[in-house]
Amino acid sequence: MSTRLRLAILIYGMIQGVVFGIGTVLVLGVPRLSEQAMTLMPTVVILSILLAAPIAWVMAPRLRLRFWQRRERRQAPRRVTLS
């Protein structure tokens, strides 16, 4: 299993929660949509499940990149300047 897939699986639940929360706030916060909340909430749940996977897949390498950039900075030779 690749590192990208592991990271994507790890952050999938968190991203799904955020997408679900945004959808819920939109449905319940907009008066026209809140009238149809009983039919729209299952749609929000399904969309959050489906949209979280590609978002997690795109975000996973970015999380790893930050780690590698810090690691490279620590291992890079330091330049000594005389002033």
Protein backbone atom coordinates (compact mmCIF):
# COMPACT_ATOMS: atom_id res chain seq x y z
CA MET A 1 0.00 0.00 0.00
CA SER A 2 1.46 3.34 -1.02
CA THR A 3 2.09 6.20 1.37
CA ARG A 4 -0.32 8.39 -0.58
CA LEU A 5 -3.12 5.85 -0.17
CA ARG A 6 -2.40 5.48 3.55
CA LEU A 7 -2.56 9.24 4.05
CA ALA A 8 -5.73 9.49 1.96
CA ILE A 9 -7.40 6.80 4.07
CA LEU A 10 -6.25 8.52 7.24
CA ILE A 11 -7.70 11.93 6.33
CA TYR A 12 -10.81 10.65 4.53
CA GLY A 13 -13.02 10.70 7.63
CA MET A 14 -12.00 14.19 8.60
CA ILE A 15 -12.62 15.54 5.12
CA GLN A 16 -15.95 13.76 4.93
CA GLY A 17 -16.98 15.39 8.20
CA VAL A 18 -16.07 18.84 6.91
CA VAL A 19 -17.88 18.33 3.60
CA PHE A 20 -20.93 16.99 5.43
CA GLY A 21 -20.89 19.96 7.81
CA ILE A 22 -20.69 22.46 4.97
CA GLY A 23 -23.56 20.74 3.18
CA THR A 24 -25.66 20.59 6.33
CA VAL A 25 -25.13 24.28 7.08
CA LEU A 26 -26.07 25.15 3.52
CA VAL A 27 -29.22 23.04 3.56
CA LEU A 28 -30.39 24.20 6.97
CA GLY A 29 -29.21 27.79 6.64
CA VAL A 30 -30.87 28.68 3.34
CA PRO A 31 -34.64 29.06 3.90
CA ARG A 32 -35.60 27.63 0.51
CA LEU A 33 -33.42 24.58 1.03
CA SER A 34 -34.48 24.04 4.64
CA GLU A 35 -38.06 23.52 3.46
CA GLN A 36 -36.83 20.45 1.58
CA ALA A 37 -34.37 19.28 4.25
CA MET A 38 -35.96 15.85 4.59
CA THR A 39 -35.13 15.04 0.98
CA LEU A 40 -31.87 16.97 0.71
CA MET A 41 -30.09 15.61 3.80
CA PRO A 42 -29.68 12.08 2.38
CA THR A 43 -28.24 13.72 -0.72
CA VAL A 44 -25.78 15.66 1.44
CA VAL A 45 -24.70 12.42 3.13
CA ILE A 46 -24.16 10.62 -0.18
CA LEU A 47 -22.32 13.57 -1.71
CA SER A 48 -20.06 13.90 1.32
CA ILE A 49 -19.13 10.21 1.05
CA LEU A 50 -18.41 10.51 -2.67
CA LEU A 51 -16.62 13.86 -2.66
CA ALA A 52 -14.37 13.14 0.31
CA ALA A 53 -12.41 10.42 -1.51
CA PRO A 54 -11.05 12.53 -4.39
CA ILE A 55 -10.41 15.47 -2.08
CA ALA A 56 -8.41 13.22 0.27
CA TRP A 57 -6.50 11.78 -2.70
CA VAL A 58 -5.51 15.29 -3.83
CA MET A 59 -4.58 16.47 -0.33
CA ALA A 60 -2.47 13.44 0.65
CA PRO A 61 0.73 14.33 -1.26
CA ARG A 62 0.55 17.91 -0.02
CA LEU A 63 0.66 16.68 3.57
CA ARG A 64 3.71 14.60 2.80
CA LEU A 65 5.45 17.37 0.89
CA ARG A 66 5.52 19.61 3.94
CA PHE A 67 7.27 16.88 5.93
CA TRP A 68 9.92 16.34 3.26
CA GLN A 69 10.61 20.05 2.86
CA ARG A 70 11.28 20.39 6.60
CA ARG A 71 13.49 17.31 6.54
CA GLU A 72 15.55 18.67 3.66
CA ARG A 73 16.07 21.96 5.47
CA ARG A 74 17.38 20.17 8.56
CA GLN A 75 19.80 18.05 6.53
CA ALA A 76 21.05 20.80 4.24
CA PRO A 77 24.57 22.01 5.01
CA ARG A 78 24.58 25.40 6.65
CA ARG A 79 26.51 28.21 5.08
CA VAL A 80 28.76 30.18 7.35
CA THR A 81 29.06 33.86 6.61
CA LEU A 82 31.67 36.11 8.05
CA SER A 83 30.57 39.62 8.81
